[in-house]
């Protein structure tokens, strides 16, 4: 099974990061700069099960697909790239794709002909994946404390952590290793 994973609000606790840097008195411009990762450790903001879960998988089966948010300013792209590179995620995953727009065409290309699961917190990305790569299993992640208004209207399997994702994969007859 190929896992195509979103990063923010899926592996990375964005709310915890924002709360920490706000408490430190940093402005939005100071928070969205690549240099911030010289002061903070990305791995300190991962959800509790993430590192163990990543270690339990075959590196060749893991791919991070993360969106760039240009609306956050001119440093948004470098901020996101430095965030993932500073966390040394290539220790766990075969590849990381940085992208803008909808994720459907990217997921189609990454999945190819292999059985794959796409995990993301945004319904709009799931709709795009469903349209471009209907054979890919779409699983919506809704972490505790995250808004669920969008999820309530969605017709996707929903999990709250990566261990629940493994439980879902087992129900469809997939291998979680």
N, C-alpha and C. Protein backbone atom coordinates (compact mmCIF):
# COMPACT_ATOMS: atom_id res chain seq x y z
N UNK A 1 0.86 -1.18 0.00
CA UNK A 1 0.00 0.00 0.00
C UNK A 1 0.89 1.23 0.00
N UNK A 2 0.62 2.13 -0.91
CA UNK A 2 1.33 3.42 -0.98
C UNK A 2 0.53 4.42 -0.15
N UNK A 3 1.21 5.15 0.71
CA UNK A 3 0.59 6.18 1.53
C UNK A 3 1.00 7.55 1.00
N UNK A 4 0.01 8.35 0.63
CA UNK A 4 0.25 9.72 0.18
C UNK A 4 -0.31 10.62 1.26
N UNK A 5 0.59 11.29 1.98
CA UNK A 5 0.25 11.98 3.21
C UNK A 5 0.38 13.49 3.10
N UNK A 6 -0.65 14.17 3.52
CA UNK A 6 -0.57 15.61 3.73
C UNK A 6 0.35 15.84 4.93
N UNK A 7 0.82 17.06 5.12
CA UNK A 7 1.71 17.33 6.26
C UNK A 7 1.01 18.14 7.35
N UNK A 8 0.60 19.37 7.02
CA UNK A 8 0.01 20.26 8.03
C UNK A 8 -1.38 19.77 8.45
N UNK A 9 -1.58 19.67 9.75
CA UNK A 9 -2.83 19.19 10.37
C UNK A 9 -3.08 17.70 10.11
N UNK A 10 -2.09 17.02 9.54
CA UNK A 10 -2.15 15.58 9.34
C UNK A 10 -1.02 14.93 10.13
N UNK A 11 0.21 15.35 9.87
CA UNK A 11 1.37 14.89 10.63
C UNK A 11 1.85 15.97 11.60
N UNK A 12 1.76 17.21 11.19
CA UNK A 12 2.27 18.37 11.92
C UNK A 12 1.12 19.10 12.60
N UNK A 13 1.23 19.31 13.90
CA UNK A 13 0.20 19.99 14.68
C UNK A 13 0.34 21.50 14.50
N UNK A 14 -0.30 22.01 13.48
CA UNK A 14 -0.20 23.41 13.12
C UNK A 14 -0.71 24.30 14.25
N UNK A 15 -1.80 23.89 14.92
CA UNK A 15 -2.34 24.69 16.02
C UNK A 15 -1.32 24.84 17.15
N UNK A 16 -0.62 23.78 17.48
CA UNK A 16 0.39 23.84 18.55
C UNK A 16 1.54 24.76 18.14
N UNK A 17 1.96 24.66 16.89
CA UNK A 17 3.04 25.53 16.41
C UNK A 17 2.62 26.99 16.49
N UNK A 18 1.45 27.31 15.96
CA UNK A 18 0.98 28.71 15.96
C UNK A 18 0.84 29.22 17.39
N UNK A 19 0.29 28.41 18.28
CA UNK A 19 0.14 28.83 19.68
C UNK A 19 1.51 29.12 20.32
N UNK A 20 2.49 28.28 20.04
CA UNK A 20 3.82 28.46 20.61
C UNK A 20 4.48 29.74 20.12
N UNK A 21 4.43 29.98 18.80
CA UNK A 21 5.12 31.17 18.28
C UNK A 21 4.34 32.44 18.61
N UNK A 22 3.03 32.35 18.73
CA UNK A 22 2.26 33.52 19.18
C UNK A 22 2.61 33.87 20.62
N UNK A 23 2.71 32.84 21.46
CA UNK A 23 3.06 33.05 22.86
C UNK A 23 4.45 33.69 22.98
N UNK A 24 5.32 33.38 22.04
CA UNK A 24 6.66 33.98 22.02
C UNK A 24 6.62 35.42 21.50
N UNK A 25 5.44 35.88 21.05
CA UNK A 25 5.28 37.26 20.60
C UNK A 25 5.66 37.50 19.15
N UNK A 26 5.76 36.44 18.36
CA UNK A 26 6.15 36.60 16.96
C UNK A 26 4.96 37.02 16.10
N UNK A 27 5.20 37.92 15.18
CA UNK A 27 4.17 38.35 14.24
C UNK A 27 4.01 37.31 13.15
N UNK A 28 2.96 37.43 12.35
CA UNK A 28 2.75 36.49 11.24
C UNK A 28 3.96 36.47 10.32
N UNK A 29 4.50 37.64 10.01
CA UNK A 29 5.67 37.71 9.12
C UNK A 29 6.87 36.97 9.73
N UNK A 30 7.02 37.03 11.03
CA UNK A 30 8.13 36.34 11.69
C UNK A 30 7.88 34.83 11.77
N UNK A 31 6.61 34.43 11.80
CA UNK A 31 6.26 33.01 11.89
C UNK A 31 6.41 32.30 10.56
N UNK A 32 6.21 33.03 9.45
CA UNK A 32 6.25 32.44 8.11
C UNK A 32 7.55 32.85 7.43
N UNK A 33 8.64 32.45 8.01
CA UNK A 33 9.96 32.69 7.43
C UNK A 33 10.78 31.40 7.55
N UNK A 34 11.57 31.07 6.56
CA UNK A 34 12.35 29.84 6.62
C UNK A 34 13.29 29.79 7.83
N UNK A 35 13.76 30.95 8.28
CA UNK A 35 14.70 31.00 9.40
C UNK A 35 14.08 30.58 10.73
N UNK A 36 12.76 30.53 10.80
CA UNK A 36 12.10 30.14 12.04
C UNK A 36 12.52 28.74 12.47
N UNK A 37 12.87 27.90 11.49
CA UNK A 37 13.24 26.52 11.80
C UNK A 37 14.65 26.40 12.35
N UNK A 38 15.35 27.54 12.46
CA UNK A 38 16.62 27.56 13.20
C UNK A 38 16.33 27.71 14.70
N UNK A 39 15.13 28.21 15.03
CA UNK A 39 14.75 28.43 16.43
C UNK A 39 13.86 27.33 16.99
N UNK A 40 13.08 26.71 16.14
CA UNK A 40 12.12 25.68 16.57
C UNK A 40 12.40 24.38 15.85
N UNK A 41 12.10 23.27 16.52
CA UNK A 41 12.29 21.94 15.94
C UNK A 41 10.95 21.42 15.41
N UNK A 42 10.89 21.15 14.13
CA UNK A 42 9.66 20.67 13.50
C UNK A 42 9.13 19.43 14.21
N UNK A 43 9.99 18.52 14.55
CA UNK A 43 9.55 17.28 15.17
C UNK A 43 8.88 17.49 16.53
N UNK A 44 9.14 18.64 17.16
CA UNK A 44 8.47 18.95 18.43
C UNK A 44 6.98 19.21 18.24
N UNK A 45 6.55 19.44 17.02
CA UNK A 45 5.15 19.77 16.74
C UNK A 45 4.42 18.67 15.98
N UNK A 46 5.01 17.49 15.90
CA UNK A 46 4.32 16.37 15.27
C UNK A 46 3.31 15.80 16.26
N UNK A 47 2.22 15.26 15.73
CA UNK A 47 1.25 14.58 16.60
C UNK A 47 1.94 13.39 17.25
N UNK A 48 1.48 12.99 18.44
CA UNK A 48 2.21 12.00 19.25
C UNK A 48 2.56 10.68 18.56
N UNK A 49 1.69 10.15 17.71
CA UNK A 49 1.94 8.84 17.12
C UNK A 49 2.74 8.89 15.83
N UNK A 50 3.03 10.06 15.31
CA UNK A 50 3.56 10.19 13.95
C UNK A 50 4.90 9.48 13.75
N UNK A 51 5.89 9.75 14.59
CA UNK A 51 7.22 9.17 14.35
C UNK A 51 7.19 7.65 14.44
N UNK A 52 6.52 7.10 15.45
CA UNK A 52 6.44 5.64 15.55
C UNK A 52 5.72 5.06 14.35
N UNK A 53 4.66 5.72 13.91
CA UNK A 53 3.90 5.23 12.77
C UNK A 53 4.76 5.25 11.51
N UNK A 54 5.46 6.36 11.27
CA UNK A 54 6.33 6.44 10.09
C UNK A 54 7.39 5.35 10.13
N UNK A 55 7.98 5.11 11.30
CA UNK A 55 9.01 4.08 11.45
C UNK A 55 8.46 2.68 11.18
N UNK A 56 7.16 2.49 11.38
CA UNK A 56 6.56 1.16 11.21
C UNK A 56 6.28 0.83 9.74
N UNK A 57 6.45 1.78 8.86
CA UNK A 57 6.13 1.60 7.44
C UNK A 57 7.40 1.44 6.61
N UNK A 58 7.23 0.89 5.45
CA UNK A 58 8.31 0.79 4.48
C UNK A 58 8.51 2.18 3.86
N UNK A 59 9.71 2.69 3.96
CA UNK A 59 10.02 4.03 3.45
C UNK A 59 9.57 4.20 1.99
N UNK A 60 9.71 3.19 1.19
CA UNK A 60 9.35 3.27 -0.24
C UNK A 60 7.85 3.48 -0.43
N UNK A 61 7.05 3.17 0.59
CA UNK A 61 5.60 3.31 0.49
C UNK A 61 5.07 4.64 0.98
N UNK A 62 5.94 5.50 1.50
CA UNK A 62 5.51 6.77 2.09
C UNK A 62 5.92 7.96 1.23
N UNK A 63 4.96 8.83 0.97
CA UNK A 63 5.18 10.03 0.17
C UNK A 63 4.42 11.18 0.83
N UNK A 64 5.11 12.26 1.12
CA UNK A 64 4.44 13.45 1.65
C UNK A 64 4.11 14.38 0.49
N UNK A 65 2.85 14.81 0.44
CA UNK A 65 2.37 15.75 -0.56
C UNK A 65 1.85 16.96 0.20
N UNK A 66 2.59 18.05 0.15
CA UNK A 66 2.25 19.21 0.96
C UNK A 66 2.02 20.44 0.10
N UNK A 67 0.98 21.16 0.44
CA UNK A 67 0.61 22.36 -0.31
C UNK A 67 1.38 23.57 0.18
N UNK A 68 1.74 24.39 -0.75
CA UNK A 68 2.33 25.70 -0.47
C UNK A 68 1.17 26.70 -0.44
N UNK A 69 1.21 27.63 0.49
CA UNK A 69 0.15 28.64 0.61
C UNK A 69 0.70 30.00 0.22
N UNK A 70 0.70 30.34 -1.08
CA UNK A 70 1.28 31.60 -1.53
C UNK A 70 0.62 32.83 -0.88
N UNK A 71 -0.64 32.67 -0.45
CA UNK A 71 -1.34 33.80 0.17
C UNK A 71 -0.69 34.21 1.50
N UNK A 72 0.20 33.36 2.03
CA UNK A 72 0.89 33.71 3.28
C UNK A 72 2.09 34.63 3.05
N UNK A 73 2.38 34.94 1.81
CA UNK A 73 3.45 35.89 1.54
C UNK A 73 4.57 35.31 0.71
N UNK A 74 5.55 36.16 0.38
CA UNK A 74 6.61 35.77 -0.54
C UNK A 74 7.55 34.69 -0.01
N UNK A 75 7.58 34.47 1.30
CA UNK A 75 8.47 33.46 1.86
C UNK A 75 7.76 32.13 2.13
N UNK A 76 6.49 32.04 1.77
CA UNK A 76 5.70 30.84 2.11
C UNK A 76 6.29 29.57 1.51
N UNK A 77 6.75 29.62 0.29
CA UNK A 77 7.31 28.43 -0.35
C UNK A 77 8.57 27.97 0.38
N UNK A 78 9.48 28.88 0.61
CA UNK A 78 10.73 28.52 1.30
C UNK A 78 10.47 28.11 2.75
N UNK A 79 9.48 28.74 3.39
CA UNK A 79 9.08 28.36 4.75
C UNK A 79 8.67 26.89 4.79
N UNK A 80 7.80 26.48 3.87
CA UNK A 80 7.31 25.10 3.85
C UNK A 80 8.43 24.13 3.51
N UNK A 81 9.25 24.48 2.54
CA UNK A 81 10.36 23.59 2.17
C UNK A 81 11.34 23.42 3.32
N UNK A 82 11.68 24.52 3.97
CA UNK A 82 12.62 24.44 5.10
C UNK A 82 12.01 23.68 6.27
N UNK A 83 10.70 23.83 6.46
CA UNK A 83 10.02 23.11 7.54
C UNK A 83 10.24 21.60 7.39
N UNK A 84 9.99 21.08 6.21
CA UNK A 84 10.13 19.64 6.00
C UNK A 84 11.58 19.19 5.94
N UNK A 85 12.42 19.99 5.31
CA UNK A 85 13.83 19.59 5.21
C UNK A 85 14.50 19.63 6.58
N UNK A 86 14.17 20.62 7.41
CA UNK A 86 14.80 20.70 8.73
C UNK A 86 14.37 19.55 9.63
N UNK A 87 13.21 18.97 9.37
CA UNK A 87 12.75 17.82 10.15
C UNK A 87 13.32 16.50 9.68
N UNK A 88 14.13 16.53 8.62
CA UNK A 88 14.79 15.33 8.08
C UNK A 88 13.78 14.21 7.78
N UNK A 89 12.71 14.54 7.10
CA UNK A 89 11.68 13.55 6.82
C UNK A 89 12.09 12.53 5.76
N UNK A 90 13.16 12.80 5.04
CA UNK A 90 13.64 11.80 4.08
C UNK A 90 14.18 10.56 4.80
N UNK A 91 14.35 10.65 6.10
CA UNK A 91 14.69 9.48 6.91
C UNK A 91 13.55 8.45 6.86
N UNK A 92 12.31 8.95 6.66
CA UNK A 92 11.12 8.10 6.74
C UNK A 92 10.40 7.89 5.42
N UNK A 93 10.47 8.87 4.51
CA UNK A 93 9.65 8.84 3.30
C UNK A 93 10.51 8.78 2.05
N UNK A 94 9.93 8.21 1.00
CA UNK A 94 10.67 8.11 -0.26
C UNK A 94 10.77 9.43 -0.98
N UNK A 95 9.74 10.28 -0.81
CA UNK A 95 9.74 11.55 -1.53
C UNK A 95 8.81 12.54 -0.85
N UNK A 96 9.07 13.81 -1.13
CA UNK A 96 8.23 14.91 -0.67
C UNK A 96 7.93 15.77 -1.89
N UNK A 97 6.66 16.05 -2.11
CA UNK A 97 6.25 16.91 -3.21
C UNK A 97 5.64 18.18 -2.63
N UNK A 98 6.15 19.32 -3.06
CA UNK A 98 5.62 20.63 -2.69
C UNK A 98 4.80 21.12 -3.86
N UNK A 99 3.57 21.54 -3.60
CA UNK A 99 2.69 21.89 -4.71
C UNK A 99 1.74 23.02 -4.33
N UNK A 100 1.09 23.59 -5.33
CA UNK A 100 0.01 24.55 -5.12
C UNK A 100 -1.21 24.05 -5.88
N UNK A 101 -2.37 24.50 -5.46
CA UNK A 101 -3.60 24.12 -6.15
C UNK A 101 -4.19 22.84 -5.60
N UNK A 102 -4.92 22.14 -6.45
CA UNK A 102 -5.57 20.90 -6.06
C UNK A 102 -4.59 19.74 -6.11
N UNK A 103 -4.81 18.75 -5.26
CA UNK A 103 -3.88 17.63 -5.15
C UNK A 103 -4.20 16.45 -6.06
N UNK A 104 -5.35 16.45 -6.71
CA UNK A 104 -5.77 15.30 -7.50
C UNK A 104 -4.79 14.82 -8.53
N UNK A 105 -4.30 15.70 -9.38
CA UNK A 105 -3.38 15.28 -10.44
C UNK A 105 -2.05 14.80 -9.86
N UNK A 106 -1.62 15.40 -8.75
CA UNK A 106 -0.38 14.97 -8.10
C UNK A 106 -0.55 13.55 -7.54
N UNK A 107 -1.68 13.31 -6.88
CA UNK A 107 -1.94 11.99 -6.31
C UNK A 107 -2.00 10.94 -7.41
N UNK A 108 -2.65 11.27 -8.52
CA UNK A 108 -2.73 10.32 -9.64
C UNK A 108 -1.33 9.94 -10.11
N UNK A 109 -0.45 10.92 -10.25
CA UNK A 109 0.91 10.66 -10.70
C UNK A 109 1.71 9.87 -9.67
N UNK A 110 1.59 10.23 -8.41
CA UNK A 110 2.34 9.55 -7.35
C UNK A 110 1.87 8.10 -7.20
N UNK A 111 0.57 7.89 -7.21
CA UNK A 111 0.01 6.55 -7.02
C UNK A 111 0.33 5.64 -8.19
N UNK A 112 0.28 6.19 -9.38
CA UNK A 112 0.50 5.35 -10.55
C UNK A 112 -0.47 4.19 -10.57
N UNK A 113 0.04 2.99 -10.79
CA UNK A 113 -0.81 1.79 -10.85
C UNK A 113 -0.85 1.02 -9.53
N UNK A 114 -0.25 1.58 -8.48
CA UNK A 114 -0.21 0.86 -7.20
C UNK A 114 -1.44 1.19 -6.36
N UNK A 115 -1.80 0.27 -5.47
CA UNK A 115 -2.89 0.56 -4.54
C UNK A 115 -2.39 1.64 -3.59
N UNK A 116 -3.21 2.66 -3.38
CA UNK A 116 -2.76 3.80 -2.59
C UNK A 116 -3.89 4.34 -1.72
N UNK A 117 -3.47 4.98 -0.64
CA UNK A 117 -4.38 5.70 0.23
C UNK A 117 -3.88 7.14 0.34
N UNK A 118 -4.82 8.07 0.26
CA UNK A 118 -4.52 9.50 0.37
C UNK A 118 -5.10 9.98 1.69
N UNK A 119 -4.27 10.62 2.52
CA UNK A 119 -4.69 11.11 3.83
C UNK A 119 -4.47 12.61 3.89
N UNK A 120 -5.56 13.35 4.14
CA UNK A 120 -5.51 14.81 4.15
C UNK A 120 -6.65 15.32 5.02
N UNK A 121 -6.52 16.55 5.50
CA UNK A 121 -7.56 17.14 6.34
C UNK A 121 -8.53 18.03 5.57
N UNK A 122 -8.31 18.22 4.29
CA UNK A 122 -9.17 19.13 3.51
C UNK A 122 -10.06 18.35 2.53
N UNK A 123 -11.36 18.56 2.68
CA UNK A 123 -12.33 17.90 1.80
C UNK A 123 -12.09 18.27 0.34
N UNK A 124 -11.75 19.52 0.07
CA UNK A 124 -11.55 19.95 -1.32
C UNK A 124 -10.46 19.12 -2.01
N UNK A 125 -9.42 18.75 -1.28
CA UNK A 125 -8.36 17.91 -1.87
C UNK A 125 -8.88 16.49 -2.12
N UNK A 126 -9.73 16.00 -1.24
CA UNK A 126 -10.31 14.67 -1.44
C UNK A 126 -11.21 14.63 -2.68
N UNK A 127 -11.97 15.67 -2.87
CA UNK A 127 -12.83 15.75 -4.06
C UNK A 127 -11.97 15.74 -5.31
N UNK A 128 -10.89 16.50 -5.30
CA UNK A 128 -9.97 16.55 -6.43
C UNK A 128 -9.34 15.18 -6.69
N UNK A 129 -8.92 14.50 -5.63
CA UNK A 129 -8.32 13.17 -5.78
C UNK A 129 -9.36 12.20 -6.32
N UNK A 130 -10.55 12.25 -5.78
CA UNK A 130 -11.62 11.36 -6.26
C UNK A 130 -11.88 11.56 -7.76
N UNK A 131 -11.82 12.80 -8.22
CA UNK A 131 -12.05 13.10 -9.63
C UNK A 131 -10.89 12.64 -10.52
N UNK A 132 -9.65 12.78 -10.06
CA UNK A 132 -8.47 12.45 -10.86
C UNK A 132 -8.00 11.01 -10.71
N UNK A 133 -8.19 10.44 -9.52
CA UNK A 133 -7.66 9.11 -9.23
C UNK A 133 -8.68 8.33 -8.41
N UNK A 134 -9.81 7.96 -9.02
CA UNK A 134 -10.90 7.34 -8.27
C UNK A 134 -10.54 6.01 -7.60
N UNK A 135 -9.49 5.34 -8.02
CA UNK A 135 -9.11 4.07 -7.40
C UNK A 135 -8.35 4.27 -6.08
N UNK A 136 -7.89 5.48 -5.83
CA UNK A 136 -7.15 5.77 -4.59
C UNK A 136 -8.14 5.87 -3.44
N UNK A 137 -7.81 5.23 -2.33
CA UNK A 137 -8.63 5.30 -1.12
C UNK A 137 -8.41 6.67 -0.48
N UNK A 138 -9.48 7.43 -0.33
CA UNK A 138 -9.40 8.76 0.29
C UNK A 138 -9.85 8.66 1.74
N UNK A 139 -8.98 9.10 2.65
CA UNK A 139 -9.30 9.10 4.07
C UNK A 139 -9.08 10.50 4.61
N UNK A 140 -10.13 11.05 5.16
CA UNK A 140 -10.10 12.39 5.74
C UNK A 140 -9.62 12.27 7.18
N UNK A 141 -8.63 13.06 7.55
CA UNK A 141 -8.18 13.06 8.94
C UNK A 141 -8.73 14.30 9.62
N UNK A 142 -9.30 14.08 10.77
CA UNK A 142 -9.85 15.17 11.56
C UNK A 142 -9.26 15.03 12.96
N UNK A 143 -8.18 15.74 13.22
CA UNK A 143 -7.50 15.67 14.50
C UNK A 143 -8.38 16.29 15.59
N UNK A 144 -8.29 15.76 16.81
CA UNK A 144 -9.06 16.36 17.92
C UNK A 144 -8.76 17.85 18.04
N UNK A 145 -9.81 18.63 18.23
CA UNK A 145 -9.65 20.07 18.36
C UNK A 145 -9.74 20.83 17.05
N UNK A 146 -9.69 20.11 15.93
CA UNK A 146 -9.82 20.76 14.62
C UNK A 146 -11.29 20.90 14.28
N UNK A 147 -11.63 21.91 13.54
CA UNK A 147 -13.02 22.14 13.13
C UNK A 147 -13.52 20.97 12.30
N UNK A 148 -14.75 20.54 12.58
CA UNK A 148 -15.29 19.41 11.84
C UNK A 148 -16.49 19.78 10.99
N UNK A 149 -16.77 21.06 10.82
CA UNK A 149 -17.92 21.48 10.01
C UNK A 149 -17.80 20.97 8.58
N UNK A 150 -16.60 21.07 8.00
CA UNK A 150 -16.39 20.59 6.63
C UNK A 150 -16.54 19.07 6.57
N UNK A 151 -16.03 18.38 7.57
CA UNK A 151 -16.10 16.92 7.59
C UNK A 151 -17.52 16.42 7.72
N UNK A 152 -18.36 17.17 8.40
CA UNK A 152 -19.75 16.74 8.60
C UNK A 152 -20.51 16.64 7.29
N UNK A 153 -20.10 17.41 6.30
CA UNK A 153 -20.78 17.38 5.01
C UNK A 153 -20.09 16.47 4.00
N UNK A 154 -18.99 15.86 4.41
CA UNK A 154 -18.19 15.05 3.49
C UNK A 154 -18.61 13.59 3.53
N UNK A 155 -18.46 12.94 2.40
CA UNK A 155 -18.78 11.52 2.29
C UNK A 155 -17.48 10.72 2.14
N UNK A 156 -16.56 10.90 3.08
CA UNK A 156 -15.28 10.20 3.07
C UNK A 156 -15.08 9.50 4.40
N UNK A 157 -14.34 8.41 4.37
CA UNK A 157 -13.94 7.75 5.60
C UNK A 157 -13.15 8.78 6.40
N UNK A 158 -13.43 8.86 7.71
CA UNK A 158 -12.75 9.83 8.56
C UNK A 158 -12.06 9.12 9.71
N UNK A 159 -10.81 9.54 9.97
CA UNK A 159 -10.04 9.02 11.10
C UNK A 159 -9.54 10.21 11.92
N UNK A 160 -9.13 9.93 13.16
CA UNK A 160 -8.59 11.01 13.98
C UNK A 160 -7.10 10.88 14.24
N UNK A 161 -6.50 9.75 13.80
CA UNK A 161 -5.05 9.58 13.95
C UNK A 161 -4.57 8.49 12.99
N UNK A 162 -3.27 8.29 12.96
CA UNK A 162 -2.68 7.34 12.02
C UNK A 162 -2.96 5.89 12.40
N UNK A 163 -3.13 5.62 13.67
CA UNK A 163 -3.46 4.25 14.08
C UNK A 163 -4.86 3.86 13.57
N UNK A 164 -5.77 4.81 13.56
CA UNK A 164 -7.10 4.55 12.99
C UNK A 164 -7.01 4.34 11.48
N UNK A 165 -6.06 5.01 10.84
CA UNK A 165 -5.85 4.78 9.41
C UNK A 165 -5.45 3.33 9.18
N UNK A 166 -4.55 2.79 10.00
CA UNK A 166 -4.15 1.39 9.87
C UNK A 166 -5.35 0.46 10.05
N UNK A 167 -6.21 0.77 11.00
CA UNK A 167 -7.41 -0.04 11.23
C UNK A 167 -8.30 -0.04 9.98
N UNK A 168 -8.45 1.13 9.35
CA UNK A 168 -9.24 1.21 8.12
C UNK A 168 -8.60 0.38 7.01
N UNK A 169 -7.29 0.50 6.84
CA UNK A 169 -6.59 -0.24 5.78
C UNK A 169 -6.82 -1.75 5.98
N UNK A 170 -6.78 -2.20 7.20
CA UNK A 170 -7.02 -3.62 7.47
C UNK A 170 -8.43 -4.03 7.08
N UNK A 171 -9.42 -3.16 7.25
CA UNK A 171 -10.81 -3.50 6.90
C UNK A 171 -11.01 -3.64 5.40
N UNK A 172 -10.16 -2.97 4.61
CA UNK A 172 -10.30 -3.08 3.15
C UNK A 172 -9.37 -4.16 2.59
N UNK A 173 -8.71 -4.87 3.50
CA UNK A 173 -7.84 -5.97 3.07
C UNK A 173 -6.47 -5.53 2.65
N UNK A 174 -6.06 -4.34 3.05
CA UNK A 174 -4.74 -3.84 2.69
C UNK A 174 -3.70 -4.19 3.73
N UNK A 175 -2.46 -4.15 3.32
CA UNK A 175 -1.34 -4.40 4.21
C UNK A 175 -0.89 -3.07 4.78
N UNK A 176 -0.79 -2.99 6.12
CA UNK A 176 -0.40 -1.74 6.76
C UNK A 176 1.11 -1.60 6.93
N UNK A 177 1.88 -2.53 6.45
CA UNK A 177 3.35 -2.43 6.59
C UNK A 177 3.98 -1.98 5.30
